[in-house]
Amino acid sequence: MGKKFRINNVSFELTENHDFDWMNRFGNVFCVFDEQDSGNISFGVEKNGTKYFVKYAGAKTLNASVEPEAAVENLKRSIRLYVGMRHPILVNLVDHFETDKGYALVFDWFEGEGLHPHWKFPPPLKYHHPDSPFYRFRQLPIKNRIESFNQIIEFHVLVEEKDFIAVDFYDGSILYDFVNNQSRICDIDLYQKKPFQNTMGRLWGSSRFMSPEEFQLGAEIDERTNVFRMGATAFCLLGGELDRSLEKWQASKELYDVAIKAVQEDKSKRFSTVKEFSERWKMALDSSD
């Protein structure tokens, strides 16, 4: 049994006691996200009519795959990512600070829903339940979904320009606002600076989005790995996810040809960079209009 906590009208559990008095500065806490395996716990807060998202490491969360100390270091390391890769589709970091027992990052609140809410809609409900954000996203017109994906590509061209690898990007990193048809990317905390070698065997992330080299100890993880992840994202948002057949693809054949080249098992057969992938994707969009 965990230790039960309550802040305002929000309750959650941790494995041991923790001081959250520092949260008082943020006014009302209206929601909590406490089921991630990252070791972080996050809160939606509102003060004087303005909402923020507070991500915190240092407490012992129930589903953590790392110790609090490691979660704190991961969170601190992510600051340079959010600052160095500011982009309209990336959640906006507005503050960060140390507490007695941990570290907190503060972001502008975004009224979106994650496309992989595994705690509320675990597969297969994710794919079929009418209230599932992923299911609802897949019911959107194809032009809306392509627009969202275009922004994701654009951001990852920037990631590539900054010499980073998009480790652990998957549909759980995508938020979508169904009212305003806007997307945001969150949780880029594990993106890695190049050169980057696979020293784990199986890297962090969802296997649905991972390239073969992300399972190979000693493999080089590079631009073509980013290309694979963008292709896998295209099949998630526009096709049959792991069923990468043309029959399951919902956009044009021209776009399919670009996406399938990106997810080739043999790295040498993929596009060499995300920038090249992006350019070919735009050409295919123009030719299929």
C-alpha atoms as a PDB file:
ATOM      1  CA  MET A   1       0.000   0.000   0.000  1.00  0.00           C
ATOM      2  CA  GLY A   2       1.216   3.475  -0.842  1.00  0.00           C
ATOM      3  CA  LYS A   3       0.971   6.637   1.215  1.00  0.00           C
ATOM      4  CA  LYS A   4      -2.130   8.655   0.338  1.00  0.00           C
ATOM      5  CA  PHE A   5      -1.783  12.387  -0.318  1.00  0.00           C
ATOM      6  CA  ARG A   6      -4.331  15.099  -0.957  1.00  0.00           C
ATOM      7  CA  ILE A   7      -3.760  18.600  -2.303  1.00  0.00           C
ATOM      8  CA  ASN A   8      -6.906  20.679  -2.676  1.00  0.00           C
ATOM      9  CA  ASN A   9      -9.436  18.224  -4.159  1.00  0.00           C
ATOM     10  CA  VAL A  10      -6.819  16.041  -5.832  1.00  0.00           C
ATOM     11  CA  SER A  11      -5.599  12.789  -4.276  1.00  0.00           C
ATOM     12  CA  PHE A  12      -2.710  10.493  -5.226  1.00  0.00           C
ATOM     13  CA  GLU A  13      -0.415   7.821  -3.798  1.00  0.00           C
ATOM     14  CA  LEU A  14       3.350   7.546  -3.337  1.00  0.00           C
ATOM     15  CA  THR A  15       5.439   4.767  -1.820  1.00  0.00           C
ATOM     16  CA  GLU A  16       6.561   6.992   1.059  1.00  0.00           C
ATOM     17  CA  ASN A  17       5.907  10.382   2.640  1.00  0.00           C
ATOM     18  CA  HIS A  18       7.057  13.520   0.827  1.00  0.00           C
ATOM     19  CA  ASP A  19       6.853  17.261   1.524  1.00  0.00           C
ATOM     20  CA  PHE A  20       4.722  19.158  -0.995  1.00  0.00           C
ATOM     21  CA  ASP A  21       4.465  22.451   0.916  1.00  0.00           C
ATOM     22  CA  TRP A  22       6.321  24.115  -1.969  1.00  0.00           C
ATOM     23  CA  MET A  23       3.195  23.583  -4.088  1.00  0.00           C
ATOM     24  CA  ASN A  24       1.336  26.241  -2.100  1.00  0.00           C
ATOM     25  CA  ARG A  25       2.745  28.988  -4.330  1.00  0.00           C
ATOM     26  CA  PHE A  26       0.797  27.634  -7.314  1.00  0.00           C
ATOM     27  CA  GLY A  27      -2.714  28.155  -6.000  1.00  0.00           C
ATOM     28  CA  ASN A  28      -5.277  25.474  -6.802  1.00  0.00           C
ATOM     29  CA  VAL A  29      -4.243  21.990  -7.920  1.00  0.00           C
ATOM     30  CA  PHE A  30      -6.945  20.655 -10.244  1.00  0.00           C
ATOM     31  CA  CYS A  31      -5.417  17.409 -11.550  1.00  0.00           C
ATOM     32  CA  VAL A  32      -2.506  15.043 -11.034  1.00  0.00           C
ATOM     33  CA  PHE A  33      -0.552  12.629 -13.267  1.00  0.00           C
ATOM     34  CA  ASP A  34       1.052  10.037 -10.994  1.00  0.00           C
ATOM     35  CA  GLU A  35       1.252   6.816 -13.034  1.00  0.00           C
ATOM     36  CA  GLN A  36       4.299   7.462 -15.225  1.00  0.00           C
ATOM     37  CA  ASP A  37       7.322   5.155 -14.993  1.00  0.00           C
ATOM     38  CA  SER A  38       9.744   8.101 -15.323  1.00  0.00           C
ATOM     39  CA  GLY A  39       9.730   8.765 -11.574  1.00  0.00           C
ATOM     40  CA  ASN A  40       8.048  12.128 -12.162  1.00  0.00           C
ATOM     41  CA  ILE A  41       4.721  13.265 -10.760  1.00  0.00           C
ATOM     42  CA  SER A  42       2.955  16.157 -12.466  1.00  0.00           C
ATOM     43  CA  PHE A  43       0.178  18.561 -11.525  1.00  0.00           C
ATOM     44  CA  GLY A  44      -2.235  20.866 -13.286  1.00  0.00           C
ATOM     45  CA  VAL A  45      -2.398  24.092 -11.257  1.00  0.00           C
ATOM     46  CA  GLU A  46      -4.272  27.372 -11.540  1.00  0.00           C
ATOM     47  CA  LYS A  47      -3.575  30.740  -9.935  1.00  0.00           C
ATOM     48  CA  ASN A  48      -5.313  34.024 -10.726  1.00  0.00           C
ATOM     49  CA  GLY A  49      -6.967  32.500 -13.768  1.00  0.00           C
ATOM     50  CA  THR A  50      -3.734  31.192 -15.319  1.00  0.00           C
ATOM     51  CA  LYS A  51      -3.020  27.466 -15.612  1.00  0.00           C
ATOM     52  CA  TYR A  52       0.363  25.739 -15.522  1.00  0.00           C
ATOM     53  CA  PHE A  53       1.692  22.205 -15.723  1.00  0.00           C
ATOM     54  CA  VAL A  54       4.210  21.372 -12.981  1.00  0.00           C
ATOM     55  CA  LYS A  55       6.476  18.357 -13.502  1.00  0.00           C
ATOM     56  CA  TYR A  56       8.309  17.224 -10.380  1.00  0.00           C
ATOM     57  CA  ALA A  57      10.994  14.641  -9.555  1.00  0.00           C
ATOM     58  CA  GLY A  58      12.189  13.654  -6.122  1.00  0.00           C
ATOM     59  CA  ALA A  59       9.212  11.782  -4.692  1.00  0.00           C
ATOM     60  CA  LYS A  60       8.998   7.981  -4.749  1.00  0.00           C
ATOM     61  CA  THR A  61       6.199   7.324  -7.221  1.00  0.00           C
ATOM     62  CA  LEU A  62       4.434   3.963  -7.372  1.00  0.00           C
ATOM     63  CA  ASN A  63       5.361   3.040 -10.958  1.00  0.00           C
ATOM     64  CA  ALA A  64       8.854   4.541 -11.133  1.00  0.00           C
ATOM     65  CA  SER A  65      11.457   2.541 -13.032  1.00  0.00           C
ATOM     66  CA  VAL A  66      14.266   4.688 -11.575  1.00  0.00           C
ATOM     67  CA  GLU A  67      15.198   5.973  -8.125  1.00  0.00           C
ATOM     68  CA  PRO A  68      14.225   9.566  -7.214  1.00  0.00           C
ATOM     69  CA  GLU A  69      17.843  10.740  -7.519  1.00  0.00           C
ATOM     70  CA  ALA A  70      18.040   9.530 -11.116  1.00  0.00           C
ATOM     71  CA  ALA A  71      14.631  11.055 -11.907  1.00  0.00           C
ATOM     72  CA  VAL A  72      15.874  14.405 -10.584  1.00  0.00           C
ATOM     73  CA  GLU A  73      19.009  14.265 -12.730  1.00  0.00           C
ATOM     74  CA  ASN A  74      16.971  13.323 -15.819  1.00  0.00           C
ATOM     75  CA  LEU A  75      14.614  16.224 -15.202  1.00  0.00           C
ATOM     76  CA  LYS A  76      17.445  18.706 -14.696  1.00  0.00           C
ATOM     77  CA  ARG A  77      19.156  17.471 -17.862  1.00  0.00           C
ATOM     78  CA  SER A  78      15.969  18.068 -19.850  1.00  0.00           C
ATOM     79  CA  ILE A  79      15.991  21.829 -19.173  1.00  0.00           C
ATOM     80  CA  ARG A  80      18.511  22.486 -21.940  1.00  0.00           C
ATOM     81  CA  LEU A  81      16.262  20.596 -24.352  1.00  0.00           C
ATOM     82  CA  TYR A  82      13.158  22.692 -23.664  1.00  0.00           C
ATOM     83  CA  VAL A  83      15.189  25.920 -23.697  1.00  0.00           C
ATOM     84  CA  GLY A  84      17.370  25.081 -26.692  1.00  0.00           C
ATOM     85  CA  MET A  85      14.615  23.717 -28.928  1.00  0.00           C
ATOM     86  CA  ARG A  86      11.780  26.168 -28.379  1.00  0.00           C
ATOM     87  CA  HIS A  87       9.188  25.701 -31.107  1.00  0.00           C
ATOM     88  CA  PRO A  88       5.443  26.432 -31.465  1.00  0.00           C
ATOM     89  CA  ILE A  89       4.594  22.727 -31.173  1.00  0.00           C
ATOM     90  CA  LEU A  90       6.778  22.095 -28.098  1.00  0.00           C
ATOM     91  CA  VAL A  91       5.266  22.710 -24.653  1.00  0.00           C
ATOM     92  CA  ASN A  92       6.653  25.985 -23.312  1.00  0.00           C
ATOM     93  CA  LEU A  93       8.933  25.893 -20.246  1.00  0.00           C
ATOM     94  CA  VAL A  94       8.430  29.040 -18.130  1.00  0.00           C
ATOM     95  CA  ASP A  95      10.324  28.256 -14.910  1.00  0.00           C
ATOM     96  CA  HIS A  96      12.322  25.622 -13.040  1.00  0.00           C
ATOM     97  CA  PHE A  97      13.595  25.449  -9.472  1.00  0.00           C
ATOM     98  CA  GLU A  98      14.983  23.224  -6.732  1.00  0.00           C
ATOM     99  CA  THR A  99      13.030  22.150  -3.658  1.00  0.00           C
ATOM    100  CA  ASP A 100      14.323  20.637  -0.412  1.00  0.00           C
ATOM    101  CA  LYS A 101      13.832  17.121  -1.759  1.00  0.00           C
ATOM    102  CA  GLY A 102      13.613  17.443  -5.533  1.00  0.00           C
ATOM    103  CA  TYR A 103      13.311  19.571  -8.659  1.00  0.00           C
ATOM    104  CA  ALA A 104      10.353  21.086 -10.544  1.00  0.00           C
ATOM    105  CA  LEU A 105       9.762  22.291 -14.095  1.00  0.00           C
ATOM    106  CA  VAL A 106       6.851  24.647 -14.821  1.00  0.00           C
ATOM    107  CA  PHE A 107       5.216  24.766 -18.256  1.00  0.00           C
ATOM    108  CA  ASP A 108       2.363  26.758 -19.743  1.00  0.00           C
ATOM    109  CA  TRP A 109      -0.781  24.644 -19.575  1.00  0.00           C
ATOM    110  CA  PHE A 110      -2.075  23.220 -22.860  1.00  0.00           C
ATOM    111  CA  GLU A 111      -5.709  22.141 -23.146  1.00  0.00           C
ATOM    112  CA  GLY A 112      -4.882  18.943 -24.973  1.00  0.00           C
ATOM    113  CA  GLU A 113      -5.159  15.215 -24.396  1.00  0.00           C
ATOM    114  CA  GLY A 114      -2.358  12.683 -24.725  1.00  0.00           C
ATOM    115  CA  LEU A 115      -2.791  10.212 -27.581  1.00  0.00           C
ATOM    116  CA  HIS A 116      -1.589   7.283 -25.462  1.00  0.00           C
ATOM    117  CA  PRO A 117      -3.396   7.524 -22.082  1.00  0.00           C
ATOM    118  CA  HIS A 118      -2.477   3.962 -21.099  1.00  0.00           C
ATOM    119  CA  TRP A 119      -3.765   4.359 -17.533  1.00  0.00           C
ATOM    120  CA  LYS A 120      -7.306   5.236 -18.692  1.00  0.00           C
ATOM    121  CA  PHE A 121      -7.571   3.533 -22.094  1.00  0.00           C
ATOM    122  CA  PRO A 122      -5.112   0.624 -22.154  1.00  0.00           C
ATOM    123  CA  PRO A 123      -5.032  -1.281 -25.456  1.00  0.00           C
ATOM    124  CA  PRO A 124      -7.305  -2.427 -26.982  1.00  0.00           C
ATOM    125  CA  LEU A 125      -9.586   0.305 -25.531  1.00  0.00           C
ATOM    126  CA  LYS A 126      -7.160   2.915 -26.868  1.00  0.00           C
ATOM    127  CA  TYR A 127      -8.050   1.902 -30.433  1.00  0.00           C
ATOM    128  CA  HIS A 128     -11.803   1.362 -30.120  1.00  0.00           C
ATOM    129  CA  HIS A 129     -13.351   3.247 -27.191  1.00  0.00           C
ATOM    130  CA  PRO A 130     -15.254   6.341 -28.392  1.00  0.00           C
ATOM    131  CA  ASP A 131     -13.813   8.451 -25.554  1.00  0.00           C
ATOM    132  CA  SER A 132     -10.210   7.433 -26.200  1.00  0.00           C
ATOM    133  CA  PRO A 133      -8.169  10.443 -27.433  1.00  0.00           C
ATOM    134  CA  PHE A 134      -6.344   8.207 -29.910  1.00  0.00           C
ATOM    135  CA  TYR A 135      -9.584   6.838 -31.342  1.00  0.00           C
ATOM    136  CA  ARG A 136     -11.010  10.367 -31.601  1.00  0.00           C
ATOM    137  CA  PHE A 137      -7.832  11.618 -33.292  1.00  0.00           C
ATOM    138  CA  ARG A 138      -8.083   8.846 -35.852  1.00  0.00           C
ATOM    139  CA  GLN A 139     -11.653   9.959 -36.666  1.00  0.00           C
ATOM    140  CA  LEU A 140     -10.468  13.458 -37.608  1.00  0.00           C
ATOM    141  CA  PRO A 141     -10.315  14.410 -41.297  1.00  0.00           C
ATOM    142  CA  ILE A 142      -7.067  13.261 -42.878  1.00  0.00           C
ATOM    143  CA  LYS A 143      -6.013  16.880 -43.533  1.00  0.00           C
ATOM    144  CA  ASN A 144      -6.102  17.637 -39.789  1.00  0.00           C
ATOM    145  CA  ARG A 145      -3.966  14.611 -39.009  1.00  0.00           C
ATOM    146  CA  ILE A 146      -1.490  15.426 -41.767  1.00  0.00           C
ATOM    147  CA  GLU A 147      -1.249  18.998 -40.467  1.00  0.00           C
ATOM    148  CA  SER A 148      -0.408  17.661 -37.003  1.00  0.00           C
ATOM    149  CA  PHE A 149       2.217  15.312 -38.431  1.00  0.00           C
ATOM    150  CA  ASN A 150       3.723  18.115 -40.537  1.00  0.00           C
ATOM    151  CA  GLN A 151       4.410  20.074 -37.346  1.00  0.00           C
ATOM    152  CA  ILE A 152       5.956  17.016 -35.721  1.00  0.00           C
ATOM    153  CA  ILE A 153       8.328  16.637 -38.687  1.00  0.00           C
ATOM    154  CA  GLU A 154       9.164  20.346 -38.609  1.00  0.00           C
ATOM    155  CA  PHE A 155      10.116  20.123 -34.950  1.00  0.00           C
ATOM    156  CA  HIS A 156      12.317  17.096 -35.535  1.00  0.00           C
ATOM    157  CA  VAL A 157      14.153  18.875 -38.345  1.00  0.00           C
ATOM    158  CA  LEU A 158      15.100  21.361 -35.612  1.00  0.00           C
ATOM    159  CA  VAL A 159      16.049  18.485 -33.278  1.00  0.00           C
ATOM    160  CA  GLU A 160      18.356  17.173 -35.999  1.00  0.00           C
ATOM    161  CA  GLU A 161      19.879  20.614 -36.600  1.00  0.00           C
ATOM    162  CA  LYS A 162      20.703  20.760 -32.887  1.00  0.00           C
ATOM    163  CA  ASP A 163      22.433  17.353 -33.144  1.00  0.00           C
ATOM    164  CA  PHE A 164      19.971  15.446 -30.970  1.00  0.00           C
ATOM    165  CA  ILE A 165      18.359  12.006 -31.262  1.00  0.00           C
ATOM    166  CA  ALA A 166      14.630  11.738 -30.464  1.00  0.00           C
ATOM    167  CA  VAL A 167      14.880   8.901 -27.935  1.00  0.00           C
ATOM    168  CA  ASP A 168      11.539   7.836 -26.406  1.00  0.00           C
ATOM    169  CA  PHE A 169       9.325   9.869 -28.742  1.00  0.00           C
ATOM    170  CA  TYR A 170       6.008   8.068 -29.323  1.00  0.00           C
ATOM    171  CA  ASP A 171       2.268   8.868 -29.443  1.00  0.00           C
ATOM    172  CA  GLY A 172       2.342   9.414 -25.672  1.00  0.00           C
ATOM    173  CA  SER A 173       4.522  12.456 -26.444  1.00  0.00           C
ATOM    174  CA  ILE A 174       1.743  14.016 -28.551  1.00  0.00           C
ATOM    175  CA  LEU A 175      -1.042  16.158 -27.066  1.00  0.00           C
ATOM    176  CA  TYR A 176      -4.048  17.205 -29.145  1.00  0.00           C
ATOM    177  CA  ASP A 177      -6.604  19.944 -28.487  1.00  0.00           C
ATOM    178  CA  PHE A 178      -9.785  18.752 -30.206  1.00  0.00           C
ATOM    179  CA  VAL A 179     -11.554  22.097 -29.767  1.00  0.00           C
ATOM    180  CA  ASN A 180      -8.931  24.227 -31.491  1.00  0.00           C
ATOM    181  CA  ASN A 181      -7.291  21.497 -33.610  1.00  0.00           C
ATOM    182  CA  GLN A 182      -3.834  22.168 -32.208  1.00  0.00           C
ATOM    183  CA  SER A 183      -0.983  19.794 -31.351  1.00  0.00           C
ATOM    184  CA  ARG A 184       1.839  19.918 -28.830  1.00  0.00           C
ATOM    185  CA  ILE A 185       4.846  17.717 -28.156  1.00  0.00           C
ATOM    186  CA  CYS A 186       5.738  16.991 -24.541  1.00  0.00           C
ATOM    187  CA  ASP A 187       8.197  14.760 -22.671  1.00  0.00           C
ATOM    188  CA  ILE A 188      11.361  15.159 -24.742  1.00  0.00           C
ATOM    189  CA  ASP A 189      13.352  14.554 -21.545  1.00  0.00           C
ATOM    190  CA  LEU A 190      15.345  11.578 -22.881  1.00  0.00           C
ATOM    191  CA  TYR A 191      16.450  13.073 -26.210  1.00  0.00           C
ATOM    192  CA  GLN A 192      20.198  12.470 -26.495  1.00  0.00           C
ATOM    193  CA  LYS A 193      23.042  14.548 -27.918  1.00  0.00           C
ATOM    194  CA  LYS A 194      25.033  13.012 -30.766  1.00  0.00           C
ATOM    195  CA  PRO A 195      27.201  11.047 -31.075  1.00  0.00           C
ATOM    196  CA  PHE A 196      25.079   8.478 -29.273  1.00  0.00           C
ATOM    197  CA  GLN A 197      25.713   4.740 -29.038  1.00  0.00           C
ATOM    198  CA  ASN A 198      23.334   2.079 -27.778  1.00  0.00           C
ATOM    199  CA  THR A 199      24.893   0.947 -24.494  1.00  0.00           C
ATOM    200  CA  MET A 200      21.672  -0.630 -23.135  1.00  0.00           C
ATOM    201  CA  GLY A 201      20.651  -3.282 -25.663  1.00  0.00           C
ATOM    202  CA  ARG A 202      17.027  -2.155 -25.607  1.00  0.00           C
ATOM    203  CA  LEU A 203      16.795   1.610 -25.388  1.00  0.00           C
ATOM    204  CA  TRP A 204      14.000   3.516 -23.668  1.00  0.00           C
ATOM    205  CA  GLY A 205      10.773   3.916 -25.580  1.00  0.00           C
ATOM    206  CA  SER A 206       7.784   2.237 -27.164  1.00  0.00           C
ATOM    207  CA  SER A 207       8.769  -0.660 -29.414  1.00  0.00           C
ATOM    208  CA  ARG A 208       6.048   0.480 -31.855  1.00  0.00           C
ATOM    209  CA  PHE A 209       8.266   3.465 -32.730  1.00  0.00           C
ATOM    210  CA  MET A 210      11.732   1.958 -32.353  1.00  0.00           C
ATOM    211  CA  SER A 211      14.179   1.065 -35.099  1.00  0.00           C
ATOM    212  CA  PRO A 212      16.169  -2.209 -35.155  1.00  0.00           C
ATOM    213  CA  GLU A 213      19.347  -0.451 -33.985  1.00  0.00           C
ATOM    214  CA  GLU A 214      17.583   0.632 -30.797  1.00  0.00           C
ATOM    215  CA  PHE A 215      17.578  -3.023 -29.752  1.00  0.00           C
ATOM    216  CA  GLN A 216      21.209  -3.697 -30.725  1.00  0.00           C
ATOM    217  CA  LEU A 217      23.923  -3.270 -28.126  1.00  0.00           C
ATOM    218  CA  GLY A 218      26.747  -1.130 -29.497  1.00  0.00           C
ATOM    219  CA  ALA A 219      24.765   0.189 -32.480  1.00  0.00           C
ATOM    220  CA  GLU A 220      25.138   3.808 -33.535  1.00  0.00           C
ATOM    221  CA  ILE A 221      21.952   5.822 -33.022  1.00  0.00           C
ATOM    222  CA  ASP A 222      21.888   8.641 -35.553  1.00  0.00           C
ATOM    223  CA  GLU A 223      19.878  10.722 -38.057  1.00  0.00           C
ATOM    224  CA  ARG A 224      18.537   7.632 -39.793  1.00  0.00           C
ATOM    225  CA  THR A 225      17.163   6.490 -36.426  1.00  0.00           C
ATOM    226  CA  ASN A 226      15.261   9.774 -36.233  1.00  0.00           C
ATOM    227  CA  VAL A 227      14.006   9.127 -39.777  1.00  0.00           C
ATOM    228  CA  PHE A 228      12.674   5.710 -38.750  1.00  0.00           C
ATOM    229  CA  ARG A 229      10.828   7.256 -35.801  1.00  0.00           C
ATOM    230  CA  MET A 230       9.175   9.843 -38.051  1.00  0.00           C
ATOM    231  CA  GLY A 231       8.086   7.100 -40.430  1.00  0.00           C
ATOM    232  CA  ALA A 232       6.697   5.039 -37.552  1.00  0.00           C
ATOM    233  CA  THR A 233       4.827   8.134 -36.348  1.00  0.00           C
ATOM    234  CA  ALA A 234       3.299   8.570 -39.790  1.00  0.00           C
ATOM    235  CA  PHE A 235       2.000   5.000 -39.721  1.00  0.00           C
ATOM    236  CA  CYS A 236       0.616   5.525 -36.213  1.00  0.00           C
ATOM    237  CA  LEU A 237      -1.295   8.695 -37.119  1.00  0.00           C
ATOM    238  CA  LEU A 238      -2.203   7.948 -40.738  1.00  0.00           C
ATOM    239  CA  GLY A 239      -1.933   4.191 -41.268  1.00  0.00           C
ATOM    240  CA  GLY A 240      -2.143   0.830 -39.559  1.00  0.00           C
ATOM    241  CA  GLU A 241       0.598   1.472 -36.973  1.00  0.00           C
ATOM    242  CA  LEU A 242       2.641  -1.758 -37.031  1.00  0.00           C
ATOM    243  CA  ASP A 243       0.621  -2.996 -40.012  1.00  0.00           C
ATOM    244  CA  ARG A 244       2.463  -0.870 -42.549  1.00  0.00           C
ATOM    245  CA  SER A 245       0.560  -2.130 -45.567  1.00  0.00           C
ATOM    246  CA  LEU A 246      -0.841   0.214 -48.198  1.00  0.00           C
ATOM    247  CA  GLU A 247      -4.310  -1.213 -47.469  1.00  0.00           C
ATOM    248  CA  LYS A 248      -4.254   0.273 -43.956  1.00  0.00           C
ATOM    249  CA  TRP A 249      -2.820   3.615 -45.125  1.00  0.00           C
ATOM    250  CA  GLN A 250      -5.387   6.443 -45.154  1.00  0.00           C
ATOM    251  CA  ALA A 251      -3.474   9.151 -47.051  1.00  0.00           C
ATOM    252  CA  SER A 252      -2.164   9.265 -50.632  1.00  0.00           C
ATOM    253  CA  LYS A 253       0.023   6.627 -52.275  1.00  0.00           C
ATOM    254  CA  GLU A 254       2.708   9.305 -52.742  1.00  0.00           C
ATOM    255  CA  LEU A 255       2.864   9.914 -48.993  1.00  0.00           C
ATOM    256  CA  TYR A 256       2.855   6.167 -48.338  1.00  0.00           C
ATOM    257  CA  ASP A 257       5.935   5.728 -50.505  1.00  0.00           C
ATOM    258  CA  VAL A 258       7.792   8.313 -48.406  1.00  0.00           C
ATOM    259  CA  ALA A 259       6.685   6.815 -45.086  1.00  0.00           C
ATOM    260  CA  ILE A 260       7.570   3.221 -46.035  1.00  0.00           C
ATOM    261  CA  LYS A 261      11.067   4.219 -47.151  1.00  0.00           C
ATOM    262  CA  ALA A 262      11.602   5.845 -43.747  1.00  0.00           C
ATOM    263  CA  VAL A 263      10.920   2.611 -41.828  1.00  0.00           C
ATOM    264  CA  GLN A 264      13.205   0.264 -43.744  1.00  0.00           C
ATOM    265  CA  GLU A 265      14.942  -2.235 -41.473  1.00  0.00           C
ATOM    266  CA  ASP A 266      18.205  -1.592 -43.307  1.00  0.00           C
ATOM    267  CA  LYS A 267      19.372   1.874 -42.262  1.00  0.00           C
ATOM    268  CA  SER A 268      21.100   2.486 -45.578  1.00  0.00           C
ATOM    269  CA  LYS A 269      17.755   2.243 -47.399  1.00  0.00           C
ATOM    270  CA  ARG A 270      16.117   5.027 -45.353  1.00  0.00           C
ATOM    271  CA  PHE A 271      16.390   8.743 -46.005  1.00  0.00           C
ATOM    272  CA  SER A 272      19.725   9.985 -44.708  1.00  0.00           C
ATOM    273  CA  THR A 273      18.243  12.802 -42.584  1.00  0.00           C
ATOM    274  CA  VAL A 274      14.911  14.046 -41.253  1.00  0.00           C
ATOM    275  CA  LYS A 275      15.434  17.130 -43.431  1.00  0.00           C
ATOM    276  CA  GLU A 276      15.537  14.917 -46.528  1.00  0.00           C
ATOM    277  CA  PHE A 277      12.471  13.027 -45.281  1.00  0.00           C
ATOM    278  CA  SER A 278      10.684  16.365 -44.734  1.00  0.00           C
ATOM    279  CA  GLU A 279      11.530  17.615 -48.232  1.00  0.00           C
ATOM    280  CA  ARG A 280      10.308  14.398 -49.870  1.00  0.00           C
ATOM    281  CA  TRP A 281       7.142  14.461 -47.711  1.00  0.00           C
ATOM    282  CA  LYS A 282       6.379  18.027 -48.856  1.00  0.00           C
ATOM    283  CA  MET A 283       6.932  17.064 -52.501  1.00  0.00           C
ATOM    284  CA  ALA A 284       4.555  14.119 -52.077  1.00  0.00           C
ATOM    285  CA  LEU A 285       1.969  16.395 -50.443  1.00  0.00           C
ATOM    286  CA  ASP A 286       2.151  18.816 -53.365  1.00  0.00           C
ATOM    287  CA  SER A 287       1.837  16.057 -55.946  1.00  0.00           C
ATOM    288  CA  SER A 288      -1.157  14.472 -54.188  1.00  0.00           C
ATOM    289  CA  ASP A 289      -3.190  17.701 -53.789  1.00  0.00           C
END
